[in-house]
Amino acid sequence: MLPFLLYARLSVLMVIAIAYAAFDVFNKRNVPDIFAYAALAVAFLLTFTYGTRTMEISLLIAAIIIALGYVVYKRGVMGAGDFLEFATISLILPIQPAAMLSAVPQMGFPFIFSVLISTGYTAVISMMAYYLAKASIKGKIHLSRIRKGSLRAGALLLLAYLAMLVVISYFAGFRLIPSFLILSIGIASSITVVFEKELNAQMISYAYPSELHPEDMIATNLMSPAEKAYFMKKSKHFGRLVTKPLLKDIRDARRKVPLYTSGVPLALFALLGIIISLAFGNILLYILL
């Protein structure tokens, strides 16, 4: 039977993860700062219920996540709430426990490692399918207009995954679950590369700079070189992430910019990643072991 403290940690973890997902889905991907920092504080306090060695490992992993997450955040790849959530998850449960529905040994890996892999897997598959269907319904997908460069890149990526599957099967034997995981990721990733612009277009809307808010994400990859040059001339802070200095520099500009207003609700997939990791452990181990 699981110790009482582990039950308590799991309960707190699920409450926080569900709240994050609810904010991400129903509050326009806006997680209140007070909630994010309060959750991090609770997770920090829970760290002291571990032994000294585990506590040190927990704090080290969380510090690495925050440092790397901040760099990624400043590059406009994810919101501040996203990397704070991952740090919170790591502090609450630093080491992957035995999987509830699997006998695969978990090797003492960090729990957040399992969560990140499962989160990425569910996000890649789900969002590719959702946005591809959305673009198809709107008549934005035309096979005859596929760019040769995108098709070539997608094909090479799929071949790389197939090569990986062949190598793993050769040394470890063919196994259904690892083969399914590798092929599903390879197919989804390849389709995403082939239809990158069409899929990205389903995530955006256009707005004037006066309508922007700090933490918004600008789809700079969908802007022409001339459009980028226009805004870069106005502000040295121009990039994917909307900041207060950037808003101050460009607020009077009369050109619209593309915004990721329907982006990936990462906290929802983090919740799914937590559930998968608790139930089955680190899915990467199904491929390696």
C-alpha atoms as a PDB file:
ATOM      1  CA  MET A   1       0.000   0.000   0.000  1.00  0.00           C
ATOM      2  CA  LEU A   2       1.221   3.467  -0.798  1.00  0.00           C
ATOM      3  CA  PRO A   3       2.460   5.506   2.202  1.00  0.00           C
ATOM      4  CA  PHE A   4       0.173   8.284   3.441  1.00  0.00           C
ATOM      5  CA  LEU A   5       2.622  11.001   2.395  1.00  0.00           C
ATOM      6  CA  LEU A   6       2.694   9.720  -1.171  1.00  0.00           C
ATOM      7  CA  TYR A   7      -1.108   9.766  -1.272  1.00  0.00           C
ATOM      8  CA  ALA A   8      -1.024  13.352  -0.020  1.00  0.00           C
ATOM      9  CA  ARG A   9       1.559  14.395  -2.609  1.00  0.00           C
ATOM     10  CA  LEU A  10      -0.393  12.739  -5.419  1.00  0.00           C
ATOM     11  CA  SER A  11      -3.593  14.475  -4.282  1.00  0.00           C
ATOM     12  CA  VAL A  12      -1.919  17.887  -4.232  1.00  0.00           C
ATOM     13  CA  LEU A  13      -0.300  17.165  -7.597  1.00  0.00           C
ATOM     14  CA  MET A  14      -3.619  16.300  -9.260  1.00  0.00           C
ATOM     15  CA  VAL A  15      -5.446  19.305  -7.767  1.00  0.00           C
ATOM     16  CA  ILE A  16      -2.761  21.703  -9.005  1.00  0.00           C
ATOM     17  CA  ALA A  17      -2.510  20.037 -12.440  1.00  0.00           C
ATOM     18  CA  ILE A  18      -6.302  20.105 -12.927  1.00  0.00           C
ATOM     19  CA  ALA A  19      -6.426  23.775 -11.909  1.00  0.00           C
ATOM     20  CA  TYR A  20      -3.619  24.612 -14.361  1.00  0.00           C
ATOM     21  CA  ALA A  21      -5.456  22.785 -17.153  1.00  0.00           C
ATOM     22  CA  ALA A  22      -8.727  24.574 -16.332  1.00  0.00           C
ATOM     23  CA  PHE A  23      -7.043  27.992 -16.480  1.00  0.00           C
ATOM     24  CA  ASP A  24      -5.297  27.069 -19.735  1.00  0.00           C
ATOM     25  CA  VAL A  25      -8.473  25.877 -21.454  1.00  0.00           C
ATOM     26  CA  PHE A  26     -11.173  28.139 -20.010  1.00  0.00           C
ATOM     27  CA  ASN A  27      -9.216  31.318 -19.224  1.00  0.00           C
ATOM     28  CA  LYS A  28      -7.671  31.911 -22.656  1.00  0.00           C
ATOM     29  CA  ARG A  29      -4.377  30.199 -21.708  1.00  0.00           C
ATOM     30  CA  ASN A  30      -3.895  32.739 -18.918  1.00  0.00           C
ATOM     31  CA  VAL A  31      -2.750  31.274 -15.607  1.00  0.00           C
ATOM     32  CA  PRO A  32      -2.949  33.900 -12.820  1.00  0.00           C
ATOM     33  CA  ASP A  33       0.474  34.743 -11.422  1.00  0.00           C
ATOM     34  CA  ILE A  34      -0.744  34.426  -7.835  1.00  0.00           C
ATOM     35  CA  PHE A  35      -1.885  30.846  -8.466  1.00  0.00           C
ATOM     36  CA  ALA A  36       1.346  29.847 -10.248  1.00  0.00           C
ATOM     37  CA  TYR A  37       3.548  31.188  -7.434  1.00  0.00           C
ATOM     38  CA  ALA A  38       1.270  29.834  -4.687  1.00  0.00           C
ATOM     39  CA  ALA A  39       1.395  26.354  -6.273  1.00  0.00           C
ATOM     40  CA  LEU A  40       5.190  26.592  -6.505  1.00  0.00           C
ATOM     41  CA  ALA A  41       5.365  27.619  -2.829  1.00  0.00           C
ATOM     42  CA  VAL A  42       3.206  24.654  -1.760  1.00  0.00           C
ATOM     43  CA  ALA A  43       5.388  22.313  -3.816  1.00  0.00           C
ATOM     44  CA  PHE A  44       8.516  23.796  -2.224  1.00  0.00           C
ATOM     45  CA  LEU A  45       7.134  23.132   1.258  1.00  0.00           C
ATOM     46  CA  LEU A  46       6.302  19.538   0.314  1.00  0.00           C
ATOM     47  CA  THR A  47       9.940  19.044  -0.633  1.00  0.00           C
ATOM     48  CA  PHE A  48      10.832  19.165   3.071  1.00  0.00           C
ATOM     49  CA  THR A  49       8.808  15.999   3.689  1.00  0.00           C
ATOM     50  CA  TYR A  50      11.509  14.038   1.837  1.00  0.00           C
ATOM     51  CA  GLY A  51      14.819  12.836   3.158  1.00  0.00           C
ATOM     52  CA  THR A  52      17.841  15.085   2.785  1.00  0.00           C
ATOM     53  CA  ARG A  53      19.223  13.351  -0.337  1.00  0.00           C
ATOM     54  CA  THR A  54      15.875  13.331  -2.178  1.00  0.00           C
ATOM     55  CA  MET A  55      15.247  16.936  -1.139  1.00  0.00           C
ATOM     56  CA  GLU A  56      18.573  18.010  -2.632  1.00  0.00           C
ATOM     57  CA  ILE A  57      17.832  16.173  -5.884  1.00  0.00           C
ATOM     58  CA  SER A  58      14.335  17.682  -5.994  1.00  0.00           C
ATOM     59  CA  LEU A  59      15.587  21.241  -5.546  1.00  0.00           C
ATOM     60  CA  LEU A  60      18.346  20.733  -8.127  1.00  0.00           C
ATOM     61  CA  ILE A  61      15.941  19.390 -10.770  1.00  0.00           C
ATOM     62  CA  ALA A  62      13.481  22.229 -10.123  1.00  0.00           C
ATOM     63  CA  ALA A  63      16.275  24.826 -10.395  1.00  0.00           C
ATOM     64  CA  ILE A  64      17.364  23.372 -13.749  1.00  0.00           C
ATOM     65  CA  ILE A  65      13.765  23.405 -15.017  1.00  0.00           C
ATOM     66  CA  ILE A  66      13.270  27.025 -13.968  1.00  0.00           C
ATOM     67  CA  ALA A  67      16.580  28.128 -15.523  1.00  0.00           C
ATOM     68  CA  LEU A  68      15.995  26.350 -18.840  1.00  0.00           C
ATOM     69  CA  GLY A  69      12.306  27.247 -18.823  1.00  0.00           C
ATOM     70  CA  TYR A  70      13.097  30.925 -18.379  1.00  0.00           C
ATOM     71  CA  VAL A  71      15.417  30.853 -21.400  1.00  0.00           C
ATOM     72  CA  VAL A  72      12.738  29.123 -23.500  1.00  0.00           C
ATOM     73  CA  TYR A  73      10.116  31.572 -22.183  1.00  0.00           C
ATOM     74  CA  LYS A  74      12.210  34.597 -23.179  1.00  0.00           C
ATOM     75  CA  ARG A  75      12.486  33.140 -26.679  1.00  0.00           C
ATOM     76  CA  GLY A  76       8.696  33.113 -26.865  1.00  0.00           C
ATOM     77  CA  VAL A  77       8.286  29.340 -27.086  1.00  0.00           C
ATOM     78  CA  MET A  78       6.174  28.866 -23.941  1.00  0.00           C
ATOM     79  CA  GLY A  79       4.471  30.971 -21.293  1.00  0.00           C
ATOM     80  CA  ALA A  80       5.886  31.637 -17.835  1.00  0.00           C
ATOM     81  CA  GLY A  81       3.114  29.567 -16.271  1.00  0.00           C
ATOM     82  CA  ASP A  82       4.164  26.518 -18.280  1.00  0.00           C
ATOM     83  CA  PHE A  83       7.703  26.184 -16.937  1.00  0.00           C
ATOM     84  CA  LEU A  84       6.548  27.132 -13.427  1.00  0.00           C
ATOM     85  CA  GLU A  85       4.036  24.277 -13.595  1.00  0.00           C
ATOM     86  CA  PHE A  86       6.756  21.809 -14.609  1.00  0.00           C
ATOM     87  CA  ALA A  87       8.949  23.026 -11.727  1.00  0.00           C
ATOM     88  CA  THR A  88       5.995  22.594  -9.367  1.00  0.00           C
ATOM     89  CA  ILE A  89       5.354  19.043 -10.599  1.00  0.00           C
ATOM     90  CA  SER A  90       9.015  18.154 -10.104  1.00  0.00           C
ATOM     91  CA  LEU A  91       9.091  19.503  -6.544  1.00  0.00           C
ATOM     92  CA  ILE A  92       5.954  17.591  -5.551  1.00  0.00           C
ATOM     93  CA  LEU A  93       7.130  14.290  -7.011  1.00  0.00           C
ATOM     94  CA  PRO A  94      10.862  14.376  -7.875  1.00  0.00           C
ATOM     95  CA  ILE A  95      11.389  10.654  -8.548  1.00  0.00           C
ATOM     96  CA  GLN A  96       9.219   8.468 -10.785  1.00  0.00           C
ATOM     97  CA  PRO A  97       7.279   6.038  -8.555  1.00  0.00           C
ATOM     98  CA  ALA A  98       6.443   2.483  -9.592  1.00  0.00           C
ATOM     99  CA  ALA A  99       3.822   2.570 -12.351  1.00  0.00           C
ATOM    100  CA  MET A 100       0.309   1.635 -11.253  1.00  0.00           C
ATOM    101  CA  LEU A 101      -0.534  -0.364 -14.384  1.00  0.00           C
ATOM    102  CA  SER A 102       2.865  -1.586 -15.546  1.00  0.00           C
ATOM    103  CA  ALA A 103       5.641  -3.823 -14.250  1.00  0.00           C
ATOM    104  CA  VAL A 104       8.355  -2.031 -16.264  1.00  0.00           C
ATOM    105  CA  PRO A 105      11.105  -0.929 -13.808  1.00  0.00           C
ATOM    106  CA  GLN A 106      11.375   2.872 -13.687  1.00  0.00           C
ATOM    107  CA  MET A 107      15.133   3.032 -13.007  1.00  0.00           C
ATOM    108  CA  GLY A 108      14.829   5.939 -10.543  1.00  0.00           C
ATOM    109  CA  PHE A 109      14.404   8.523 -13.307  1.00  0.00           C
ATOM    110  CA  PRO A 110      13.035  11.985 -12.421  1.00  0.00           C
ATOM    111  CA  PHE A 111       9.244  12.019 -12.598  1.00  0.00           C
ATOM    112  CA  ILE A 112       9.263  15.242 -14.612  1.00  0.00           C
ATOM    113  CA  PHE A 113      11.253  13.419 -17.316  1.00  0.00           C
ATOM    114  CA  SER A 114       8.373  10.965 -17.701  1.00  0.00           C
ATOM    115  CA  VAL A 115       5.814  13.793 -17.676  1.00  0.00           C
ATOM    116  CA  LEU A 116       7.624  15.821 -20.331  1.00  0.00           C
ATOM    117  CA  ILE A 117       7.868  12.825 -22.656  1.00  0.00           C
ATOM    118  CA  SER A 118       4.190  11.894 -22.219  1.00  0.00           C
ATOM    119  CA  THR A 119       3.131  15.547 -22.529  1.00  0.00           C
ATOM    120  CA  GLY A 120       5.057  15.951 -25.767  1.00  0.00           C
ATOM    121  CA  TYR A 121       3.685  12.709 -27.146  1.00  0.00           C
ATOM    122  CA  THR A 122       0.026  13.525 -26.456  1.00  0.00           C
ATOM    123  CA  ALA A 123       0.444  17.127 -27.643  1.00  0.00           C
ATOM    124  CA  VAL A 124       2.089  16.190 -30.947  1.00  0.00           C
ATOM    125  CA  ILE A 125      -0.536  13.575 -31.804  1.00  0.00           C
ATOM    126  CA  SER A 126      -3.616  15.465 -30.592  1.00  0.00           C
ATOM    127  CA  MET A 127      -2.793  18.928 -31.903  1.00  0.00           C
ATOM    128  CA  MET A 128      -1.710  17.622 -35.305  1.00  0.00           C
ATOM    129  CA  ALA A 129      -5.021  15.767 -35.671  1.00  0.00           C
ATOM    130  CA  TYR A 130      -7.107  18.692 -34.365  1.00  0.00           C
ATOM    131  CA  TYR A 131      -5.569  21.443 -36.483  1.00  0.00           C
ATOM    132  CA  LEU A 132      -5.366  19.255 -39.573  1.00  0.00           C
ATOM    133  CA  ALA A 133      -9.084  18.513 -39.272  1.00  0.00           C
ATOM    134  CA  LYS A 134      -9.808  22.195 -38.652  1.00  0.00           C
ATOM    135  CA  ALA A 135      -7.821  23.269 -41.713  1.00  0.00           C
ATOM    136  CA  SER A 136      -9.467  20.574 -43.857  1.00  0.00           C
ATOM    137  CA  ILE A 137     -12.965  21.691 -42.866  1.00  0.00           C
ATOM    138  CA  LYS A 138     -12.062  25.259 -43.835  1.00  0.00           C
ATOM    139  CA  GLY A 139     -10.728  24.030 -47.190  1.00  0.00           C
ATOM    140  CA  LYS A 140      -7.163  25.137 -46.401  1.00  0.00           C
ATOM    141  CA  ILE A 141      -5.547  21.774 -47.158  1.00  0.00           C
ATOM    142  CA  HIS A 142      -4.776  21.235 -50.846  1.00  0.00           C
ATOM    143  CA  LEU A 143      -2.541  18.279 -51.652  1.00  0.00           C
ATOM    144  CA  SER A 144      -1.730  19.761 -55.043  1.00  0.00           C
ATOM    145  CA  ARG A 145      -0.208  22.820 -53.321  1.00  0.00           C
ATOM    146  CA  ILE A 146       2.168  20.971 -51.024  1.00  0.00           C
ATOM    147  CA  ARG A 147       5.578  22.597 -51.191  1.00  0.00           C
ATOM    148  CA  LYS A 148       8.307  20.268 -52.461  1.00  0.00           C
ATOM    149  CA  GLY A 149      10.689  21.375 -49.718  1.00  0.00           C
ATOM    150  CA  SER A 150       8.151  20.616 -46.982  1.00  0.00           C
ATOM    151  CA  LEU A 151       7.277  17.267 -48.551  1.00  0.00           C
ATOM    152  CA  ARG A 152      10.950  16.334 -48.769  1.00  0.00           C
ATOM    153  CA  ALA A 153      11.578  17.347 -45.140  1.00  0.00           C
ATOM    154  CA  GLY A 154       8.545  15.381 -43.957  1.00  0.00           C
ATOM    155  CA  ALA A 155       9.595  12.305 -45.916  1.00  0.00           C
ATOM    156  CA  LEU A 156      13.158  12.447 -44.546  1.00  0.00           C
ATOM    157  CA  LEU A 157      11.841  12.803 -41.003  1.00  0.00           C
ATOM    158  CA  LEU A 158       9.558   9.777 -41.431  1.00  0.00           C
ATOM    159  CA  LEU A 159      12.453   7.761 -42.886  1.00  0.00           C
ATOM    160  CA  ALA A 160      14.541   8.670 -39.833  1.00  0.00           C
ATOM    161  CA  TYR A 161      11.854   7.295 -37.518  1.00  0.00           C
ATOM    162  CA  LEU A 162      11.528   4.151 -39.641  1.00  0.00           C
ATOM    163  CA  ALA A 163      15.296   3.680 -39.493  1.00  0.00           C
ATOM    164  CA  MET A 164      15.146   4.025 -35.717  1.00  0.00           C
ATOM    165  CA  LEU A 165      12.409   1.387 -35.589  1.00  0.00           C
ATOM    166  CA  VAL A 166      14.441  -0.999 -37.762  1.00  0.00           C
ATOM    167  CA  VAL A 167      17.554  -0.604 -35.605  1.00  0.00           C
ATOM    168  CA  ILE A 168      15.652  -1.104 -32.341  1.00  0.00           C
ATOM    169  CA  SER A 169      13.777  -4.117 -33.750  1.00  0.00           C
ATOM    170  CA  TYR A 170      17.030  -5.644 -34.994  1.00  0.00           C
ATOM    171  CA  PHE A 171      18.747  -5.497 -31.598  1.00  0.00           C
ATOM    172  CA  ALA A 172      15.734  -5.961 -29.281  1.00  0.00           C
ATOM    173  CA  GLY A 173      13.272  -7.812 -31.489  1.00  0.00           C
ATOM    174  CA  PHE A 174       9.987  -6.538 -32.845  1.00  0.00           C
ATOM    175  CA  ARG A 175       7.618  -5.369 -30.092  1.00  0.00           C
ATOM    176  CA  LEU A 176       4.166  -3.950 -30.689  1.00  0.00           C
ATOM    177  CA  ILE A 177       4.039  -1.128 -28.119  1.00  0.00           C
ATOM    178  CA  PRO A 178       7.457   0.412 -28.936  1.00  0.00           C
ATOM    179  CA  SER A 179       6.715   0.114 -32.661  1.00  0.00           C
ATOM    180  CA  PHE A 180       3.377   1.864 -32.223  1.00  0.00           C
ATOM    181  CA  LEU A 181       4.933   4.686 -30.192  1.00  0.00           C
ATOM    182  CA  ILE A 182       7.725   5.282 -32.698  1.00  0.00           C
ATOM    183  CA  LEU A 183       5.482   5.130 -35.776  1.00  0.00           C
ATOM    184  CA  SER A 184       2.749   7.346 -34.309  1.00  0.00           C
ATOM    185  CA  ILE A 185       5.277  10.033 -33.347  1.00  0.00           C
ATOM    186  CA  GLY A 186       7.009   9.741 -36.723  1.00  0.00           C
ATOM    187  CA  ILE A 187       3.801  10.030 -38.737  1.00  0.00           C
ATOM    188  CA  ALA A 188       2.443  12.935 -36.676  1.00  0.00           C
ATOM    189  CA  SER A 189       5.759  14.798 -36.807  1.00  0.00           C
ATOM    190  CA  SER A 190       6.065  14.289 -40.569  1.00  0.00           C
ATOM    191  CA  ILE A 191       2.536  15.526 -41.251  1.00  0.00           C
ATOM    192  CA  THR A 192       3.203  18.559 -39.050  1.00  0.00           C
ATOM    193  CA  VAL A 193       6.328  19.397 -41.061  1.00  0.00           C
ATOM    194  CA  VAL A 194       4.562  18.973 -44.430  1.00  0.00           C
ATOM    195  CA  PHE A 195       1.597  21.166 -43.447  1.00  0.00           C
ATOM    196  CA  GLU A 196       3.417  23.479 -41.041  1.00  0.00           C
ATOM    197  CA  LYS A 197       2.094  26.760 -42.470  1.00  0.00           C
ATOM    198  CA  GLU A 198      -1.465  25.479 -42.857  1.00  0.00           C
ATOM    199  CA  LEU A 199      -1.522  24.159 -39.295  1.00  0.00           C
ATOM    200  CA  ASN A 200       0.059  27.289 -37.832  1.00  0.00           C
ATOM    201  CA  ALA A 201      -2.536  29.407 -39.624  1.00  0.00           C
ATOM    202  CA  GLN A 202      -5.282  27.700 -37.587  1.00  0.00           C
ATOM    203  CA  MET A 203      -3.709  28.897 -34.346  1.00  0.00           C
ATOM    204  CA  ILE A 204      -3.557  32.603 -35.129  1.00  0.00           C
ATOM    205  CA  SER A 205      -5.564  35.779 -35.482  1.00  0.00           C
ATOM    206  CA  TYR A 206      -4.369  39.244 -36.499  1.00  0.00           C
ATOM    207  CA  ALA A 207      -4.329  42.272 -34.202  1.00  0.00           C
ATOM    208  CA  TYR A 208      -2.954  45.812 -34.101  1.00  0.00           C
ATOM    209  CA  PRO A 209      -0.121  46.429 -31.614  1.00  0.00           C
ATOM    210  CA  SER A 210      -2.472  48.549 -29.480  1.00  0.00           C
ATOM    211  CA  GLU A 211      -4.525  45.374 -28.894  1.00  0.00           C
ATOM    212  CA  LEU A 212      -1.586  43.303 -27.666  1.00  0.00           C
ATOM    213  CA  HIS A 213      -0.852  42.346 -24.062  1.00  0.00           C
ATOM    214  CA  PRO A 214       2.342  41.275 -22.289  1.00  0.00           C
ATOM    215  CA  GLU A 215       2.945  37.518 -22.603  1.00  0.00           C
ATOM    216  CA  ASP A 216       1.155  37.293 -25.982  1.00  0.00           C
ATOM    217  CA  MET A 217       3.007  35.237 -28.595  1.00  0.00           C
ATOM    218  CA  ILE A 218       3.620  36.704 -32.068  1.00  0.00           C
ATOM    219  CA  ALA A 219       3.769  34.205 -34.955  1.00  0.00           C
ATOM    220  CA  THR A 220       6.944  35.709 -36.408  1.00  0.00           C
ATOM    221  CA  ASN A 221       7.388  32.624 -38.613  1.00  0.00           C
ATOM    222  CA  LEU A 222       4.255  33.645 -40.531  1.00  0.00           C
ATOM    223  CA  MET A 223       5.467  37.200 -41.160  1.00  0.00           C
ATOM    224  CA  SER A 224       7.200  38.276 -44.348  1.00  0.00           C
ATOM    225  CA  PRO A 225      10.784  39.622 -44.176  1.00  0.00           C
ATOM    226  CA  ALA A 226       9.420  43.108 -44.914  1.00  0.00           C
ATOM    227  CA  GLU A 227       6.932  42.897 -42.026  1.00  0.00           C
ATOM    228  CA  LYS A 228       9.622  41.746 -39.628  1.00  0.00           C
ATOM    229  CA  ALA A 229      11.978  44.493 -40.768  1.00  0.00           C
ATOM    230  CA  TYR A 230       9.253  47.115 -40.200  1.00  0.00           C
ATOM    231  CA  PHE A 231       8.741  46.134 -36.556  1.00  0.00           C
ATOM    232  CA  MET A 232      12.428  45.474 -35.889  1.00  0.00           C
ATOM    233  CA  LYS A 233      13.147  49.015 -37.028  1.00  0.00           C
ATOM    234  CA  LYS A 234      10.641  50.291 -34.492  1.00  0.00           C
ATOM    235  CA  SER A 235      11.878  48.179 -31.584  1.00  0.00           C
ATOM    236  CA  LYS A 236      15.007  46.240 -30.737  1.00  0.00           C
ATOM    237  CA  HIS A 237      12.787  44.120 -28.487  1.00  0.00           C
ATOM    238  CA  PHE A 238      10.737  42.695 -31.343  1.00  0.00           C
ATOM    239  CA  GLY A 239      10.401  38.909 -31.248  1.00  0.00           C
ATOM    240  CA  ARG A 240       7.919  36.134 -30.509  1.00  0.00           C
ATOM    241  CA  LEU A 241       7.280  37.208 -26.919  1.00  0.00           C
ATOM    242  CA  VAL A 242       5.332  40.425 -26.341  1.00  0.00           C
ATOM    243  CA  THR A 243       6.970  42.435 -23.544  1.00  0.00           C
ATOM    244  CA  LYS A 244       6.184  45.804 -21.988  1.00  0.00           C
ATOM    245  CA  PRO A 245       9.201  47.495 -23.661  1.00  0.00           C
ATOM    246  CA  LEU A 246       8.060  46.111 -27.024  1.00  0.00           C
ATOM    247  CA  LEU A 247       4.495  47.371 -26.504  1.00  0.00           C
ATOM    248  CA  LYS A 248       5.813  50.809 -25.629  1.00  0.00           C
ATOM    249  CA  ASP A 249       7.828  50.961 -28.867  1.00  0.00           C
ATOM    250  CA  ILE A 250       5.194  49.684 -31.322  1.00  0.00           C
ATOM    251  CA  ARG A 251       1.849  50.644 -29.782  1.00  0.00           C
ATOM    252  CA  ASP A 252       1.216  53.348 -32.418  1.00  0.00           C
ATOM    253  CA  ALA A 253       2.043  51.121 -35.398  1.00  0.00           C
ATOM    254  CA  ARG A 254      -0.852  50.656 -37.806  1.00  0.00           C
ATOM    255  CA  ARG A 255       0.128  47.238 -39.102  1.00  0.00           C
ATOM    256  CA  LYS A 256      -1.386  44.059 -37.725  1.00  0.00           C
ATOM    257  CA  VAL A 257       0.681  41.171 -36.423  1.00  0.00           C
ATOM    258  CA  PRO A 258      -0.247  37.463 -36.289  1.00  0.00           C
ATOM    259  CA  LEU A 259      -0.873  36.186 -32.748  1.00  0.00           C
ATOM    260  CA  TYR A 260      -1.052  32.649 -31.425  1.00  0.00           C
ATOM    261  CA  THR A 261      -4.551  32.983 -29.983  1.00  0.00           C
ATOM    262  CA  SER A 262      -5.484  29.320 -30.401  1.00  0.00           C
ATOM    263  CA  GLY A 263      -2.214  27.729 -29.434  1.00  0.00           C
ATOM    264  CA  VAL A 264      -1.547  24.490 -27.645  1.00  0.00           C
ATOM    265  CA  PRO A 265      -3.174  24.319 -24.153  1.00  0.00           C
ATOM    266  CA  LEU A 266       0.030  22.855 -22.747  1.00  0.00           C
ATOM    267  CA  ALA A 267      -1.308  22.489 -19.190  1.00  0.00           C
ATOM    268  CA  LEU A 268      -4.054  20.178 -20.464  1.00  0.00           C
ATOM    269  CA  PHE A 269      -1.468  17.908 -22.061  1.00  0.00           C
ATOM    270  CA  ALA A 270       0.691  18.164 -18.937  1.00  0.00           C
ATOM    271  CA  LEU A 271      -2.282  16.787 -16.987  1.00  0.00           C
ATOM    272  CA  LEU A 272      -2.559  13.914 -19.462  1.00  0.00           C
ATOM    273  CA  GLY A 273       1.205  13.427 -19.196  1.00  0.00           C
ATOM    274  CA  ILE A 274       0.961  13.136 -15.404  1.00  0.00           C
ATOM    275  CA  ILE A 275      -1.846  10.574 -15.636  1.00  0.00           C
ATOM    276  CA  ILE A 276       0.050   8.496 -18.227  1.00  0.00           C
ATOM    277  CA  SER A 277       3.271   8.669 -16.206  1.00  0.00           C
ATOM    278  CA  LEU A 278       1.579   7.582 -12.989  1.00  0.00           C
ATOM    279  CA  ALA A 279      -0.273   4.747 -14.731  1.00  0.00           C
ATOM    280  CA  PHE A 280       2.413   3.427 -17.084  1.00  0.00           C
ATOM    281  CA  GLY A 281       5.629   5.127 -16.037  1.00  0.00           C
ATOM    282  CA  ASN A 282       8.134   6.569 -18.490  1.00  0.00           C
ATOM    283  CA  ILE A 283       6.910   5.553 -21.951  1.00  0.00           C
ATOM    284  CA  LEU A 284      10.451   5.908 -23.302  1.00  0.00           C
ATOM    285  CA  LEU A 285      11.389   2.820 -21.278  1.00  0.00           C
ATOM    286  CA  TYR A 286       8.941   0.758 -23.352  1.00  0.00           C
ATOM    287  CA  ILE A 287      11.213   1.489 -26.310  1.00  0.00           C
ATOM    288  CA  LEU A 288      14.571   1.117 -24.556  1.00  0.00           C
ATOM    289  CA  LEU A 289      13.874  -1.950 -22.405  1.00  0.00           C
END
